């Protein structure tokens, strides 16, 4: 009798937890299609082309982009980085066409991390247009504060 109850309990759990549906009745696959990633992952080569070529202009930060940028220096193992990642995805969608949101994995791109003196992660680099110098912020900043910083520092609203 205990064995039958246990089998029924396991079957019920599997049915409830693994049906691939959300509370709204959408499949997990359709949610992934709706939430397309908008952040852009950069390696050194991409950074040199899209952000700044520090090899041709050492000691000078000359932004190469056509829109302001927010650069997230992160690592896959970092808890606060994981916490801020979905917020940056939301902001990338909200500010699509106005700014770029780049992500640089500090474990894979140690040269870039060293170049910017990254000692704690997440570190966020705000890169405005017009030759203004970038500004660095550290930590998992709440979404409201990030929006305020994007509006004031990057978009001058």
Protein backbone atom coordinates (compact mmCIF):
# COMPACT_ATOMS: atom_id res chain seq x y z
CA UNK A 1 0.00 0.00 0.00
CA UNK A 2 2.82 2.42 0.87
CA UNK A 3 4.52 1.56 -2.40
CA UNK A 4 1.41 2.41 -4.45
CA UNK A 5 0.98 5.71 -2.59
CA UNK A 6 4.60 6.60 -3.21
CA UNK A 7 4.32 5.79 -6.93
CA UNK A 8 1.14 7.90 -7.21
CA UNK A 9 2.80 10.78 -5.36
CA UNK A 10 5.84 10.68 -7.67
CA UNK A 11 3.62 10.52 -10.76
CA UNK A 12 1.53 13.47 -9.53
CA UNK A 13 4.68 15.50 -8.83
CA UNK A 14 6.08 14.73 -12.29
CA UNK A 15 2.80 15.71 -13.94
CA UNK A 16 2.53 19.00 -12.05
CA UNK A 17 6.17 20.10 -12.31
CA UNK A 18 7.24 18.87 -15.74
CA UNK A 19 4.35 19.68 -18.00
CA UNK A 20 6.26 22.50 -19.74
CA UNK A 21 3.53 25.04 -19.01
CA UNK A 22 3.61 28.29 -17.09
CA UNK A 23 0.82 29.66 -14.96
CA UNK A 24 -0.47 31.53 -18.00
CA UNK A 25 -0.64 28.39 -20.11
CA UNK A 26 2.31 29.31 -22.35
CA UNK A 27 4.88 26.69 -23.19
CA UNK A 28 8.45 27.23 -22.05
CA UNK A 29 9.52 27.33 -25.70
CA UNK A 30 7.17 30.20 -26.57
CA UNK A 31 8.41 32.21 -23.58
CA UNK A 32 12.00 31.81 -24.77
CA UNK A 33 10.98 33.11 -28.21
CA UNK A 34 9.21 36.14 -26.70
CA UNK A 35 12.13 37.07 -24.42
CA UNK A 36 14.81 37.37 -27.06
CA UNK A 37 18.15 38.41 -25.64
CA UNK A 38 18.98 42.00 -26.43
CA UNK A 39 22.30 42.34 -24.64
CA UNK A 40 25.42 41.90 -26.75
CA UNK A 41 28.29 39.73 -25.54
CA UNK A 42 31.71 41.10 -26.40
CA UNK A 43 35.12 39.53 -26.69
CA UNK A 44 38.34 41.48 -27.18
CA UNK A 45 38.04 41.62 -30.98
CA UNK A 46 34.44 42.90 -30.79
CA UNK A 47 35.42 45.41 -28.12
CA UNK A 48 38.19 46.81 -30.31
CA UNK A 49 35.75 47.24 -33.21
CA UNK A 50 32.61 48.41 -31.41
CA UNK A 51 33.71 50.18 -28.24
CA UNK A 52 37.30 51.44 -28.21
CA UNK A 53 40.52 50.38 -29.89
CA UNK A 54 42.96 50.78 -27.04
CA UNK A 55 45.71 49.19 -29.13
CA UNK A 56 45.77 52.03 -31.69
CA UNK A 57 45.09 54.79 -29.12
CA UNK A 58 46.72 53.64 -25.88
CA UNK A 59 46.02 55.84 -22.88
CA UNK A 60 43.02 57.43 -24.57
CA UNK A 61 39.44 56.19 -24.52
CA UNK A 62 37.81 57.06 -27.83
CA UNK A 63 34.34 55.54 -28.07
CA UNK A 64 33.60 54.06 -31.51
CA UNK A 65 29.86 53.44 -31.12
CA UNK A 66 26.98 55.34 -32.69
CA UNK A 67 24.81 55.13 -29.53
CA UNK A 68 25.67 55.37 -25.82
CA UNK A 69 26.56 52.09 -24.15
CA UNK A 70 26.32 50.32 -20.83
CA UNK A 71 28.95 47.61 -20.37
CA UNK A 72 28.41 44.89 -17.77
CA UNK A 73 31.59 43.21 -16.54
CA UNK A 74 30.44 39.90 -15.04
CA UNK A 75 31.30 36.25 -14.36
CA UNK A 76 29.06 33.21 -14.69
CA UNK A 77 29.69 32.10 -11.08
CA UNK A 78 28.83 35.50 -9.55
CA UNK A 79 25.52 35.62 -7.65
CA UNK A 80 24.96 39.39 -7.95
CA UNK A 81 25.84 39.16 -11.66
CA UNK A 82 23.16 36.51 -12.10
CA UNK A 83 20.70 38.72 -10.23
CA UNK A 84 21.29 41.76 -12.44
CA UNK A 85 21.39 39.84 -15.76
CA UNK A 86 17.58 39.69 -16.27
CA UNK A 87 17.31 43.38 -15.37
CA UNK A 88 19.86 44.24 -18.06
CA UNK A 89 17.91 42.11 -20.56
CA UNK A 90 14.73 44.05 -19.71
CA UNK A 91 16.54 47.36 -20.04
CA UNK A 92 18.05 46.31 -23.36
CA UNK A 93 14.54 45.69 -24.66
CA UNK A 94 13.16 48.92 -23.16
CA UNK A 95 15.98 51.07 -24.56
CA UNK A 96 16.32 49.21 -27.87
CA UNK A 97 17.52 51.59 -30.55
CA UNK A 98 18.68 54.18 -27.97
CA UNK A 99 21.64 52.48 -26.25
CA UNK A 100 23.74 49.33 -26.46
CA UNK A 101 24.02 47.04 -23.48
CA UNK A 102 27.18 44.98 -23.75
CA UNK A 103 28.33 42.12 -21.53
CA UNK A 104 31.95 41.13 -20.96
CA UNK A 105 32.76 37.90 -19.15
CA UNK A 106 35.76 38.77 -16.96
CA UNK A 107 36.85 35.12 -16.76
CA UNK A 108 37.11 34.85 -20.55
CA UNK A 109 38.31 38.41 -21.22
CA UNK A 110 40.88 39.00 -18.49
CA UNK A 111 42.76 41.57 -20.55
CA UNK A 112 39.66 43.78 -20.80
CA UNK A 113 38.93 43.33 -17.09
CA UNK A 114 42.50 44.36 -16.25
CA UNK A 115 42.37 47.31 -18.65
CA UNK A 116 39.42 48.76 -16.72
CA UNK A 117 40.75 47.77 -13.30
CA UNK A 118 37.82 45.47 -12.55
CA UNK A 119 38.30 44.23 -9.01
CA UNK A 120 34.70 43.42 -8.09
CA UNK A 121 31.78 42.26 -10.16
CA UNK A 122 29.35 43.17 -11.41
CA UNK A 123 30.91 46.41 -12.55
CA UNK A 124 28.97 48.61 -14.94
CA UNK A 125 30.65 51.06 -17.30
CA UNK A 126 28.43 53.87 -18.61
CA UNK A 127 29.80 55.14 -21.93
CA UNK A 128 28.15 58.39 -23.09
CA UNK A 129 28.48 59.97 -26.52
CA UNK A 130 30.28 63.18 -27.41
CA UNK A 131 33.73 62.38 -26.11
CA UNK A 132 32.68 62.35 -22.45
CA UNK A 133 34.64 59.98 -20.26
CA UNK A 134 32.98 56.72 -19.19
CA UNK A 135 31.77 56.33 -15.61
CA UNK A 136 32.05 53.13 -13.57
CA UNK A 137 29.54 51.81 -11.03
CA UNK A 138 29.88 48.65 -8.98
CA UNK A 139 27.38 46.18 -7.64
CA UNK A 140 23.95 44.88 -8.57
CA UNK A 141 22.17 48.21 -8.94
CA UNK A 142 18.34 48.13 -8.75
CA UNK A 143 16.46 48.62 -12.02
CA UNK A 144 15.02 52.01 -11.04
CA UNK A 145 18.50 53.35 -10.29
CA UNK A 146 19.86 51.91 -13.54
CA UNK A 147 17.07 53.57 -15.53
CA UNK A 148 17.82 56.87 -13.80
CA UNK A 149 21.53 56.57 -14.60
CA UNK A 150 20.84 55.61 -18.22
CA UNK A 151 18.51 58.58 -18.63
CA UNK A 152 20.86 61.10 -16.99
CA UNK A 153 24.34 59.88 -17.91
CA UNK A 154 23.77 58.23 -21.29
CA UNK A 155 20.68 59.87 -22.77
CA UNK A 156 20.91 63.29 -21.04
CA UNK A 157 17.16 63.34 -20.30
